[in-house]
Amino acid sequence: MIEIKGITKRYGEKYAAKDVTFTVNAGEVMGFLGPNGAGKSTTLNILTGYLSATSGTACIDGIDILQDPIGAKAKIGFLPEQPPLYLDMTVKEYLNFVYDLKRCKLDRKKHLDEICRVVKIRDVYGRVIRNLSKGYRQRVGIAQALIGNPPVLIFDEPTVGLDPKQIIDIRNLIRDLGREHTVILSTHILPEVQAICDRIVVINNGEIVADEKTENIARAVEGKRRMTFNICGPRNDVLKLLKSIPGVTYAEVIGNRDLDSTSFLVESDEKIDIRKPLFFALAEKRWPLIGMDVMGMDLEDVFLALVDKNAKKGVRKGEKQ
């Protein structure tokens, strides 16, 4: 449904996007992550036709956004970070205005009624937008994106500034929309991506650094296993033993579990299973191992690791130059 190939945007010697390539399949909800200045907005602006690329192509359902902008944009519903609302209009006036602006051919009353039902703004349909809460304004912004029933929806930071209840409501709405639309969700809020998205693309310094299904995103980070062990024995001696096990790259005390046991965090090379040698080493010392837990990386850990890895790569490139 969405195909971006080799998108590059250069301002003089500065790259806002560099060889960005990814696809989004029909019916997929993709999270687009990256720190400030990473290239998210540049990529989305090129995809939606608001900005031209220095090189590369962006297609919506096979239509190139630059060769046929009207045809491609007809397939996109876009909610920018600041919803494009006319505050002096009522919700009814605004949605009818957008309906006319998009030259929508669907039955006006039936279509707008259905949108208002989906985004839950029927109770404010006759109110002036200026007087609505931020949560309702976001809903009106999503409603304008849905007019014309476009197959592709793009949301840029849709929950910024909302209270916790409003955030949950908008998340649920986007999840429901993902059942019938292809969705790109650009956000800084990591739990939001885990709750909504099927797939995650991470961009940093204008380059894609990861593209994985949400449940597999940790695979994008090469590195270490993390485990906790609950061991009965002299704390300092146990710690020394842990550090001596082949494959262990880091170990620390993280607290007391019981009166006679201590919890340790251990990181090891992902290619080496330290559990058997550790078991035998502890048995030889007669220090009981009474608990063990494998710690998976959460999305925040993965995101920070990817960004840090890419930043170091950029520094090394700079040093060579």
C-alpha atoms as a PDB file:
ATOM      1  CA  MET A   1       0.000   0.000   0.000  1.00  0.00           C
ATOM      2  CA  ILE A   2       2.838   2.406   0.886  1.00  0.00           C
ATOM      3  CA  GLU A   3       6.265   2.137  -0.694  1.00  0.00           C
ATOM      4  CA  ILE A   4       9.167   4.469  -0.010  1.00  0.00           C
ATOM      5  CA  LYS A   5      12.368   3.848  -1.977  1.00  0.00           C
ATOM      6  CA  GLY A   6      15.660   5.616  -1.380  1.00  0.00           C
ATOM      7  CA  ILE A   7      14.125   8.873  -0.151  1.00  0.00           C
ATOM      8  CA  THR A   8      16.847  11.467   0.426  1.00  0.00           C
ATOM      9  CA  LYS A   9      16.353  15.100   1.413  1.00  0.00           C
ATOM     10  CA  ARG A  10      19.415  17.305   1.515  1.00  0.00           C
ATOM     11  CA  TYR A  11      19.802  20.920   2.582  1.00  0.00           C
ATOM     12  CA  GLY A  12      23.276  21.871   1.383  1.00  0.00           C
ATOM     13  CA  GLU A  13      25.587  19.424   3.145  1.00  0.00           C
ATOM     14  CA  LYS A  14      22.964  18.504   5.736  1.00  0.00           C
ATOM     15  CA  TYR A  15      20.823  15.381   5.248  1.00  0.00           C
ATOM     16  CA  ALA A  16      17.349  15.453   6.799  1.00  0.00           C
ATOM     17  CA  ALA A  17      16.682  12.004   5.304  1.00  0.00           C
ATOM     18  CA  LYS A  18      19.186   9.662   3.709  1.00  0.00           C
ATOM     19  CA  ASP A  19      18.215   6.683   1.560  1.00  0.00           C
ATOM     20  CA  VAL A  20      15.052   5.985   3.576  1.00  0.00           C
ATOM     21  CA  THR A  21      13.372   2.812   2.332  1.00  0.00           C
ATOM     22  CA  PHE A  22      10.417   0.874   3.755  1.00  0.00           C
ATOM     23  CA  THR A  23       7.003  -0.483   2.806  1.00  0.00           C
ATOM     24  CA  VAL A  24       3.717  -0.681   4.695  1.00  0.00           C
ATOM     25  CA  ASN A  25       1.310  -3.429   3.697  1.00  0.00           C
ATOM     26  CA  ALA A  26      -2.435  -2.985   3.370  1.00  0.00           C
ATOM     27  CA  GLY A  27      -4.168  -3.256   6.749  1.00  0.00           C
ATOM     28  CA  GLU A  28      -0.946  -2.835   8.710  1.00  0.00           C
ATOM     29  CA  VAL A  29      -0.433  -0.379  11.589  1.00  0.00           C
ATOM     30  CA  MET A  30       3.175   0.821  11.550  1.00  0.00           C
ATOM     31  CA  GLY A  31       4.864   2.796  14.312  1.00  0.00           C
ATOM     32  CA  PHE A  32       7.411   5.360  13.086  1.00  0.00           C
ATOM     33  CA  LEU A  33       9.823   6.147  15.900  1.00  0.00           C
ATOM     34  CA  GLY A  34      12.789   8.468  16.300  1.00  0.00           C
ATOM     35  CA  PRO A  35      14.160  11.244  18.513  1.00  0.00           C
ATOM     36  CA  ASN A  36      13.641  14.916  17.687  1.00  0.00           C
ATOM     37  CA  GLY A  37      15.406  15.831  14.452  1.00  0.00           C
ATOM     38  CA  ALA A  38      15.680  12.193  13.365  1.00  0.00           C
ATOM     39  CA  GLY A  39      13.873  12.706  10.050  1.00  0.00           C
ATOM     40  CA  LYS A  40      10.341  11.526  10.901  1.00  0.00           C
ATOM     41  CA  SER A  41       8.509  14.687   9.911  1.00  0.00           C
ATOM     42  CA  THR A  42      10.644  15.136   6.781  1.00  0.00           C
ATOM     43  CA  THR A  43       9.805  11.605   5.642  1.00  0.00           C
ATOM     44  CA  LEU A  44       6.081  12.040   6.370  1.00  0.00           C
ATOM     45  CA  ASN A  45       5.983  15.420   4.622  1.00  0.00           C
ATOM     46  CA  ILE A  46       7.536  13.852   1.523  1.00  0.00           C
ATOM     47  CA  LEU A  47       5.120  10.914   1.708  1.00  0.00           C
ATOM     48  CA  THR A  48       2.107  13.225   1.918  1.00  0.00           C
ATOM     49  CA  GLY A  49       3.334  15.550  -0.834  1.00  0.00           C
ATOM     50  CA  TYR A  50       4.029  18.593   1.334  1.00  0.00           C
ATOM     51  CA  LEU A  51       7.742  18.405   0.572  1.00  0.00           C
ATOM     52  CA  SER A  52       9.727  17.224  -2.446  1.00  0.00           C
ATOM     53  CA  ALA A  53      12.608  14.789  -2.096  1.00  0.00           C
ATOM     54  CA  THR A  54      16.117  15.429  -3.385  1.00  0.00           C
ATOM     55  CA  SER A  55      15.999  11.867  -4.720  1.00  0.00           C
ATOM     56  CA  GLY A  56      13.956   8.698  -4.313  1.00  0.00           C
ATOM     57  CA  THR A  57      10.262   7.899  -4.718  1.00  0.00           C
ATOM     58  CA  ALA A  58       7.183   7.647  -2.500  1.00  0.00           C
ATOM     59  CA  CYS A  59       4.111   5.768  -3.747  1.00  0.00           C
ATOM     60  CA  ILE A  60       0.624   5.309  -2.308  1.00  0.00           C
ATOM     61  CA  ASP A  61      -1.178   2.269  -3.710  1.00  0.00           C
ATOM     62  CA  GLY A  62       1.144   2.366  -6.734  1.00  0.00           C
ATOM     63  CA  ILE A  63       0.701   6.118  -7.356  1.00  0.00           C
ATOM     64  CA  ASP A  64       3.831   8.283  -7.192  1.00  0.00           C
ATOM     65  CA  ILE A  65       3.160  11.271  -4.925  1.00  0.00           C
ATOM     66  CA  LEU A  66       5.138  13.642  -7.190  1.00  0.00           C
ATOM     67  CA  GLN A  67       3.952  12.363 -10.583  1.00  0.00           C
ATOM     68  CA  ASP A  68       0.263  12.290  -9.606  1.00  0.00           C
ATOM     69  CA  PRO A  69      -0.111  14.275  -6.366  1.00  0.00           C
ATOM     70  CA  ILE A  70      -3.883  14.648  -6.593  1.00  0.00           C
ATOM     71  CA  GLY A  71      -4.431  10.929  -7.171  1.00  0.00           C
ATOM     72  CA  ALA A  72      -2.040   9.937  -4.377  1.00  0.00           C
ATOM     73  CA  LYS A  73      -3.361  12.466  -1.855  1.00  0.00           C
ATOM     74  CA  ALA A  74      -6.914  11.269  -2.448  1.00  0.00           C
ATOM     75  CA  LYS A  75      -5.830   8.014  -0.805  1.00  0.00           C
ATOM     76  CA  ILE A  76      -4.347   9.691   2.298  1.00  0.00           C
ATOM     77  CA  GLY A  77      -5.935  10.997   5.472  1.00  0.00           C
ATOM     78  CA  PHE A  78      -3.371  13.061   7.400  1.00  0.00           C
ATOM     79  CA  LEU A  79      -3.431  14.357  10.969  1.00  0.00           C
ATOM     80  CA  PRO A  80      -0.361  16.556  11.577  1.00  0.00           C
ATOM     81  CA  GLU A  81       0.924  17.235  15.082  1.00  0.00           C
ATOM     82  CA  GLN A  82      -1.084  20.474  15.115  1.00  0.00           C
ATOM     83  CA  PRO A  83      -4.581  19.595  13.815  1.00  0.00           C
ATOM     84  CA  PRO A  84      -5.554  21.876  10.899  1.00  0.00           C
ATOM     85  CA  LEU A  85      -8.684  23.253  12.555  1.00  0.00           C
ATOM     86  CA  TYR A  86     -10.601  26.495  11.999  1.00  0.00           C
ATOM     87  CA  LEU A  87     -11.383  27.445  15.580  1.00  0.00           C
ATOM     88  CA  ASP A  88     -14.238  29.836  14.775  1.00  0.00           C
ATOM     89  CA  MET A  89     -16.223  27.152  12.958  1.00  0.00           C
ATOM     90  CA  THR A  90     -18.508  24.649  14.583  1.00  0.00           C
ATOM     91  CA  VAL A  91     -17.576  20.993  14.188  1.00  0.00           C
ATOM     92  CA  LYS A  92     -20.441  20.623  11.699  1.00  0.00           C
ATOM     93  CA  GLU A  93     -19.292  23.603   9.624  1.00  0.00           C
ATOM     94  CA  TYR A  94     -15.692  22.441   9.636  1.00  0.00           C
ATOM     95  CA  LEU A  95     -16.375  18.852   8.589  1.00  0.00           C
ATOM     96  CA  ASN A  96     -18.706  20.025   5.812  1.00  0.00           C
ATOM     97  CA  PHE A  97     -15.994  22.448   4.666  1.00  0.00           C
ATOM     98  CA  VAL A  98     -13.417  19.618   4.526  1.00  0.00           C
ATOM     99  CA  TYR A  99     -15.971  17.419   2.726  1.00  0.00           C
ATOM    100  CA  ASP A 100     -16.270  20.080  -0.002  1.00  0.00           C
ATOM    101  CA  LEU A 101     -12.509  20.720  -0.045  1.00  0.00           C
ATOM    102  CA  LYS A 102     -11.812  17.042  -0.696  1.00  0.00           C
ATOM    103  CA  ARG A 103     -14.577  16.885  -3.322  1.00  0.00           C
ATOM    104  CA  CYS A 104     -15.967  13.859  -1.557  1.00  0.00           C
ATOM    105  CA  LYS A 105     -18.544  11.887  -3.580  1.00  0.00           C
ATOM    106  CA  LEU A 106     -19.996   9.828  -0.732  1.00  0.00           C
ATOM    107  CA  ASP A 107     -23.443  10.613   0.655  1.00  0.00           C
ATOM    108  CA  ARG A 108     -22.720  13.703   2.765  1.00  0.00           C
ATOM    109  CA  LYS A 109     -25.072  13.203   5.702  1.00  0.00           C
ATOM    110  CA  LYS A 110     -24.591   9.465   5.990  1.00  0.00           C
ATOM    111  CA  HIS A 111     -20.797   9.713   5.648  1.00  0.00           C
ATOM    112  CA  LEU A 112     -20.345  12.530   8.190  1.00  0.00           C
ATOM    113  CA  ASP A 113     -22.756  10.870  10.633  1.00  0.00           C
ATOM    114  CA  GLU A 114     -20.748   7.648  10.432  1.00  0.00           C
ATOM    115  CA  ILE A 115     -17.461   9.479  11.024  1.00  0.00           C
ATOM    116  CA  CYS A 116     -18.883  11.309  14.031  1.00  0.00           C
ATOM    117  CA  ARG A 117     -20.085   7.999  15.429  1.00  0.00           C
ATOM    118  CA  VAL A 118     -16.686   6.348  14.946  1.00  0.00           C
ATOM    119  CA  VAL A 119     -14.663   9.164  16.543  1.00  0.00           C
ATOM    120  CA  LYS A 120     -17.353   9.873  19.160  1.00  0.00           C
ATOM    121  CA  ILE A 121     -17.966  13.582  18.518  1.00  0.00           C
ATOM    122  CA  ARG A 122     -21.742  13.523  17.991  1.00  0.00           C
ATOM    123  CA  ASP A 123     -22.294  15.306  21.295  1.00  0.00           C
ATOM    124  CA  VAL A 124     -20.141  18.296  20.206  1.00  0.00           C
ATOM    125  CA  TYR A 125     -21.256  18.419  16.549  1.00  0.00           C
ATOM    126  CA  GLY A 126     -22.898  21.818  16.926  1.00  0.00           C
ATOM    127  CA  ARG A 127     -20.242  23.390  19.164  1.00  0.00           C
ATOM    128  CA  VAL A 128     -17.571  25.923  18.177  1.00  0.00           C
ATOM    129  CA  ILE A 129     -14.187  24.192  17.910  1.00  0.00           C
ATOM    130  CA  ARG A 130     -12.479  26.921  19.972  1.00  0.00           C
ATOM    131  CA  ASN A 131     -14.530  25.865  22.995  1.00  0.00           C
ATOM    132  CA  LEU A 132     -13.619  22.170  22.793  1.00  0.00           C
ATOM    133  CA  SER A 133     -11.056  20.416  24.980  1.00  0.00           C
ATOM    134  CA  LYS A 134      -7.781  19.319  23.393  1.00  0.00           C
ATOM    135  CA  GLY A 135      -8.999  15.738  23.389  1.00  0.00           C
ATOM    136  CA  TYR A 136     -12.091  16.630  21.382  1.00  0.00           C
ATOM    137  CA  ARG A 137     -10.009  18.782  19.020  1.00  0.00           C
ATOM    138  CA  GLN A 138      -7.813  15.763  18.322  1.00  0.00           C
ATOM    139  CA  ARG A 139     -10.929  13.751  17.589  1.00  0.00           C
ATOM    140  CA  VAL A 140     -12.133  16.417  15.157  1.00  0.00           C
ATOM    141  CA  GLY A 141      -8.677  16.328  13.533  1.00  0.00           C
ATOM    142  CA  ILE A 142      -8.974  12.556  13.114  1.00  0.00           C
ATOM    143  CA  ALA A 143     -12.498  13.034  11.727  1.00  0.00           C
ATOM    144  CA  GLN A 144     -11.246  15.336   8.952  1.00  0.00           C
ATOM    145  CA  ALA A 145      -8.605  12.739   8.065  1.00  0.00           C
ATOM    146  CA  LEU A 146     -11.352  10.121   7.646  1.00  0.00           C
ATOM    147  CA  ILE A 147     -13.463  12.158   5.231  1.00  0.00           C
ATOM    148  CA  GLY A 148     -13.512  10.437   1.863  1.00  0.00           C
ATOM    149  CA  ASN A 149     -12.692   7.111   3.534  1.00  0.00           C
ATOM    150  CA  PRO A 150      -9.021   7.092   2.428  1.00  0.00           C
ATOM    151  CA  PRO A 151      -7.272   3.708   2.642  1.00  0.00           C
ATOM    152  CA  VAL A 152      -4.156   5.254   4.245  1.00  0.00           C
ATOM    153  CA  LEU A 153      -4.140   7.193   7.524  1.00  0.00           C
ATOM    154  CA  ILE A 154      -1.065   9.035   8.809  1.00  0.00           C
ATOM    155  CA  PHE A 155      -1.030  10.361  12.379  1.00  0.00           C
ATOM    156  CA  ASP A 156       1.820  12.567  13.611  1.00  0.00           C
ATOM    157  CA  GLU A 157       2.014  12.660  17.428  1.00  0.00           C
ATOM    158  CA  PRO A 158      -1.776  12.285  17.864  1.00  0.00           C
ATOM    159  CA  THR A 159      -1.760  12.142  21.693  1.00  0.00           C
ATOM    160  CA  VAL A 160       0.643  14.984  22.556  1.00  0.00           C
ATOM    161  CA  GLY A 161      -0.758  17.129  25.370  1.00  0.00           C
ATOM    162  CA  LEU A 162      -3.670  14.846  26.208  1.00  0.00           C
ATOM    163  CA  ASP A 163      -4.524  13.609  29.691  1.00  0.00           C
ATOM    164  CA  PRO A 164      -4.248   9.861  30.462  1.00  0.00           C
ATOM    165  CA  LYS A 165      -7.919   9.112  29.776  1.00  0.00           C
ATOM    166  CA  GLN A 166      -7.838  11.015  26.473  1.00  0.00           C
ATOM    167  CA  ILE A 167      -4.658   9.157  25.475  1.00  0.00           C
ATOM    168  CA  ILE A 168      -6.335   5.791  26.092  1.00  0.00           C
ATOM    169  CA  ASP A 169      -9.408   6.880  24.115  1.00  0.00           C
ATOM    170  CA  ILE A 170      -7.313   8.016  21.114  1.00  0.00           C
ATOM    171  CA  ARG A 171      -5.200   4.836  21.251  1.00  0.00           C
ATOM    172  CA  ASN A 172      -8.329   2.692  21.181  1.00  0.00           C
ATOM    173  CA  LEU A 173      -9.708   4.732  18.291  1.00  0.00           C
ATOM    174  CA  ILE A 174      -6.507   4.325  16.236  1.00  0.00           C
ATOM    175  CA  ARG A 175      -6.440   0.595  16.997  1.00  0.00           C
ATOM    176  CA  ASP A 176     -10.032   0.298  15.741  1.00  0.00           C
ATOM    177  CA  LEU A 177      -9.223   2.310  12.601  1.00  0.00           C
ATOM    178  CA  GLY A 178      -6.321  -0.039  11.910  1.00  0.00           C
ATOM    179  CA  ARG A 179      -8.803  -2.836  11.245  1.00  0.00           C
ATOM    180  CA  GLU A 180      -9.974  -1.177   8.034  1.00  0.00           C
ATOM    181  CA  HIS A 181      -7.126   1.171   7.094  1.00  0.00           C
ATOM    182  CA  THR A 182      -3.369   1.162   6.605  1.00  0.00           C
ATOM    183  CA  VAL A 183      -1.973   3.365   9.384  1.00  0.00           C
ATOM    184  CA  ILE A 184       1.346   5.089  10.043  1.00  0.00           C
ATOM    185  CA  LEU A 185       1.662   6.357  13.605  1.00  0.00           C
ATOM    186  CA  SER A 186       4.556   8.727  14.311  1.00  0.00           C
ATOM    187  CA  THR A 187       5.133   9.190  18.031  1.00  0.00           C
ATOM    188  CA  HIS A 188       7.662   9.549  20.848  1.00  0.00           C
ATOM    189  CA  ILE A 189       5.486   7.579  23.270  1.00  0.00           C
ATOM    190  CA  LEU A 190       6.872   4.060  23.318  1.00  0.00           C
ATOM    191  CA  PRO A 191       4.023   2.285  25.193  1.00  0.00           C
ATOM    192  CA  GLU A 192       1.698   3.742  22.568  1.00  0.00           C
ATOM    193  CA  VAL A 193       3.556   1.890  19.823  1.00  0.00           C
ATOM    194  CA  GLN A 194       3.514  -1.376  21.759  1.00  0.00           C
ATOM    195  CA  ALA A 195      -0.220  -1.030  22.396  1.00  0.00           C
ATOM    196  CA  ILE A 196      -1.229  -0.173  18.826  1.00  0.00           C
ATOM    197  CA  CYS A 197       1.312  -1.134  16.174  1.00  0.00           C
ATOM    198  CA  ASP A 198       1.968  -4.355  14.261  1.00  0.00           C
ATOM    199  CA  ARG A 199       5.384  -3.182  13.127  1.00  0.00           C
ATOM    200  CA  ILE A 200       8.005  -0.636  14.148  1.00  0.00           C
ATOM    201  CA  VAL A 201      10.384   1.391  11.999  1.00  0.00           C
ATOM    202  CA  VAL A 202      13.033   3.403  13.847  1.00  0.00           C
ATOM    203  CA  ILE A 203      14.799   6.349  12.214  1.00  0.00           C
ATOM    204  CA  ASN A 204      17.776   8.282  13.553  1.00  0.00           C
ATOM    205  CA  ASN A 205      20.037  10.873  11.920  1.00  0.00           C
ATOM    206  CA  GLY A 206      17.909  10.558   8.793  1.00  0.00           C
ATOM    207  CA  GLU A 207      18.555   6.804   8.385  1.00  0.00           C
ATOM    208  CA  ILE A 208      16.431   3.736   9.117  1.00  0.00           C
ATOM    209  CA  VAL A 209      18.087   1.813  11.960  1.00  0.00           C
ATOM    210  CA  ALA A 210      15.428  -0.866  12.529  1.00  0.00           C
ATOM    211  CA  ASP A 211      12.400  -2.336  10.779  1.00  0.00           C
ATOM    212  CA  GLU A 212      10.802  -5.214  12.676  1.00  0.00           C
ATOM    213  CA  LYS A 213       7.468  -6.587  13.839  1.00  0.00           C
ATOM    214  CA  THR A 214       6.644  -5.240  17.281  1.00  0.00           C
ATOM    215  CA  GLU A 215       7.123  -8.574  19.014  1.00  0.00           C
ATOM    216  CA  ASN A 216      10.510  -9.049  17.306  1.00  0.00           C
ATOM    217  CA  ILE A 217      11.943  -5.550  17.723  1.00  0.00           C
ATOM    218  CA  ALA A 218      14.490  -6.676  20.324  1.00  0.00           C
ATOM    219  CA  ARG A 219      16.190  -8.692  17.567  1.00  0.00           C
ATOM    220  CA  ALA A 220      17.245  -5.415  15.982  1.00  0.00           C
ATOM    221  CA  VAL A 221      19.692  -4.910  18.846  1.00  0.00           C
ATOM    222  CA  GLU A 222      22.751  -7.097  18.713  1.00  0.00           C
ATOM    223  CA  GLY A 223      24.179  -7.737  22.095  1.00  0.00           C
ATOM    224  CA  LYS A 224      23.564  -9.322  25.401  1.00  0.00           C
ATOM    225  CA  ARG A 225      21.274 -11.526  27.406  1.00  0.00           C
ATOM    226  CA  ARG A 226      20.130 -10.146  30.738  1.00  0.00           C
ATOM    227  CA  MET A 227      19.250 -12.436  33.620  1.00  0.00           C
ATOM    228  CA  THR A 228      18.697 -12.153  37.335  1.00  0.00           C
ATOM    229  CA  PHE A 229      19.901 -14.822  39.769  1.00  0.00           C
ATOM    230  CA  ASN A 230      18.878 -15.277  43.393  1.00  0.00           C
ATOM    231  CA  ILE A 231      21.787 -16.953  45.172  1.00  0.00           C
ATOM    232  CA  CYS A 232      22.537 -17.901  48.791  1.00  0.00           C
ATOM    233  CA  GLY A 233      26.172 -17.187  49.585  1.00  0.00           C
ATOM    234  CA  PRO A 234      28.666 -14.453  50.523  1.00  0.00           C
ATOM    235  CA  ARG A 235      27.666 -11.479  48.406  1.00  0.00           C
ATOM    236  CA  ASN A 236      31.124 -10.294  47.311  1.00  0.00           C
ATOM    237  CA  ASP A 237      32.405 -13.822  46.690  1.00  0.00           C
ATOM    238  CA  VAL A 238      29.354 -14.719  44.612  1.00  0.00           C
ATOM    239  CA  LEU A 239      29.734 -11.520  42.587  1.00  0.00           C
ATOM    240  CA  LYS A 240      33.380 -12.342  41.919  1.00  0.00           C
ATOM    241  CA  LEU A 241      32.392 -15.848  40.799  1.00  0.00           C
ATOM    242  CA  LEU A 242      29.708 -14.520  38.470  1.00  0.00           C
ATOM    243  CA  LYS A 243      32.186 -12.211  36.769  1.00  0.00           C
ATOM    244  CA  SER A 244      34.576 -15.126  36.230  1.00  0.00           C
ATOM    245  CA  ILE A 245      32.089 -17.267  34.262  1.00  0.00           C
ATOM    246  CA  PRO A 246      33.020 -17.387  30.537  1.00  0.00           C
ATOM    247  CA  GLY A 247      30.610 -15.260  28.529  1.00  0.00           C
ATOM    248  CA  VAL A 248      29.609 -12.937  31.388  1.00  0.00           C
ATOM    249  CA  THR A 249      30.170  -9.320  30.371  1.00  0.00           C
ATOM    250  CA  TYR A 250      28.691  -7.572  33.411  1.00  0.00           C
ATOM    251  CA  ALA A 251      27.392  -8.433  36.893  1.00  0.00           C
ATOM    252  CA  GLU A 252      26.087  -6.398  39.795  1.00  0.00           C
ATOM    253  CA  VAL A 253      24.201  -6.761  43.067  1.00  0.00           C
ATOM    254  CA  ILE A 254      20.629  -5.511  42.805  1.00  0.00           C
ATOM    255  CA  GLY A 255      19.358  -6.274  46.309  1.00  0.00           C
ATOM    256  CA  ASN A 256      18.506  -8.786  49.002  1.00  0.00           C
ATOM    257  CA  ARG A 257      15.648 -11.188  48.347  1.00  0.00           C
ATOM    258  CA  ASP A 258      15.549 -13.073  51.646  1.00  0.00           C
ATOM    259  CA  LEU A 259      17.595 -12.999  54.826  1.00  0.00           C
ATOM    260  CA  ASP A 260      20.253 -15.309  53.395  1.00  0.00           C
ATOM    261  CA  SER A 261      20.086 -14.674  49.638  1.00  0.00           C
ATOM    262  CA  THR A 262      21.065 -11.900  47.242  1.00  0.00           C
ATOM    263  CA  SER A 263      19.795 -10.946  43.794  1.00  0.00           C
ATOM    264  CA  PHE A 264      22.306 -10.330  41.010  1.00  0.00           C
ATOM    265  CA  LEU A 265      21.872  -8.850  37.545  1.00  0.00           C
ATOM    266  CA  VAL A 266      24.058 -10.578  34.969  1.00  0.00           C
ATOM    267  CA  GLU A 267      24.621  -9.665  31.323  1.00  0.00           C
ATOM    268  CA  SER A 268      26.220 -12.180  28.988  1.00  0.00           C
ATOM    269  CA  ASP A 269      27.138 -12.647  25.346  1.00  0.00           C
ATOM    270  CA  GLU A 270      23.954 -13.693  23.518  1.00  0.00           C
ATOM    271  CA  LYS A 271      25.849 -16.528  21.808  1.00  0.00           C
ATOM    272  CA  ILE A 272      26.960 -18.116  25.090  1.00  0.00           C
ATOM    273  CA  ASP A 273      24.603 -19.891  27.495  1.00  0.00           C
ATOM    274  CA  ILE A 274      26.073 -19.300  30.948  1.00  0.00           C
ATOM    275  CA  ARG A 275      23.449 -21.184  32.941  1.00  0.00           C
ATOM    276  CA  LYS A 276      25.048 -24.655  33.043  1.00  0.00           C
ATOM    277  CA  PRO A 277      28.602 -23.539  33.916  1.00  0.00           C
ATOM    278  CA  LEU A 278      27.182 -21.175  36.531  1.00  0.00           C
ATOM    279  CA  PHE A 279      25.103 -23.970  38.063  1.00  0.00           C
ATOM    280  CA  PHE A 280      28.107 -26.283  38.408  1.00  0.00           C
ATOM    281  CA  ALA A 281      30.332 -23.488  39.751  1.00  0.00           C
ATOM    282  CA  LEU A 282      27.754 -22.614  42.417  1.00  0.00           C
ATOM    283  CA  ALA A 283      27.238 -26.303  43.284  1.00  0.00           C
ATOM    284  CA  GLU A 284      30.978 -26.725  43.788  1.00  0.00           C
ATOM    285  CA  LYS A 285      30.938 -23.813  46.228  1.00  0.00           C
ATOM    286  CA  ARG A 286      27.740 -25.154  47.841  1.00  0.00           C
ATOM    287  CA  TRP A 287      25.966 -21.851  47.235  1.00  0.00           C
ATOM    288  CA  PRO A 288      22.314 -22.653  46.418  1.00  0.00           C
ATOM    289  CA  LEU A 289      20.759 -21.093  43.333  1.00  0.00           C
ATOM    290  CA  ILE A 290      17.151 -20.550  44.417  1.00  0.00           C
ATOM    291  CA  GLY A 291      15.845 -18.357  41.621  1.00  0.00           C
ATOM    292  CA  MET A 292      16.530 -17.269  38.050  1.00  0.00           C
ATOM    293  CA  ASP A 293      14.688 -15.035  35.596  1.00  0.00           C
ATOM    294  CA  VAL A 294      15.463 -14.062  31.999  1.00  0.00           C
ATOM    295  CA  MET A 295      14.916 -10.354  31.462  1.00  0.00           C
ATOM    296  CA  GLY A 296      13.643  -9.319  28.043  1.00  0.00           C
ATOM    297  CA  MET A 297      14.414  -5.854  26.722  1.00  0.00           C
ATOM    298  CA  ASP A 298      11.406  -3.575  26.689  1.00  0.00           C
ATOM    299  CA  LEU A 299      10.745  -1.180  23.822  1.00  0.00           C
ATOM    300  CA  GLU A 300      12.388   1.729  25.612  1.00  0.00           C
ATOM    301  CA  ASP A 301      15.616  -0.249  26.077  1.00  0.00           C
ATOM    302  CA  VAL A 302      15.621  -1.253  22.411  1.00  0.00           C
ATOM    303  CA  PHE A 303      14.885   2.289  21.227  1.00  0.00           C
ATOM    304  CA  LEU A 304      17.685   3.796  23.299  1.00  0.00           C
ATOM    305  CA  ALA A 305      20.121   1.080  22.228  1.00  0.00           C
ATOM    306  CA  LEU A 306      19.341   1.610  18.544  1.00  0.00           C
ATOM    307  CA  VAL A 307      19.626   5.390  18.760  1.00  0.00           C
ATOM    308  CA  ASP A 308      22.861   5.171  20.757  1.00  0.00           C
ATOM    309  CA  LYS A 309      24.325   2.645  18.317  1.00  0.00           C
ATOM    310  CA  ASN A 310      23.459   4.849  15.339  1.00  0.00           C
ATOM    311  CA  ALA A 311      24.844   7.962  17.049  1.00  0.00           C
ATOM    312  CA  LYS A 312      28.184   6.228  17.688  1.00  0.00           C
ATOM    313  CA  LYS A 313      28.255   5.096  14.066  1.00  0.00           C
ATOM    314  CA  GLY A 314      27.747   8.695  12.968  1.00  0.00           C
ATOM    315  CA  VAL A 315      30.608   9.882  15.191  1.00  0.00           C
ATOM    316  CA  ARG A 316      32.951   7.268  13.720  1.00  0.00           C
ATOM    317  CA  LYS A 317      32.021   8.351  10.200  1.00  0.00           C
ATOM    318  CA  GLY A 318      32.736  11.955  11.151  1.00  0.00           C
ATOM    319  CA  GLU A 319      36.131  11.036  12.553  1.00  0.00           C
ATOM    320  CA  LYS A 320      37.137   9.339   9.307  1.00  0.00           C
ATOM    321  CA  GLN A 321      36.308  12.431   7.344  1.00  0.00           C
END
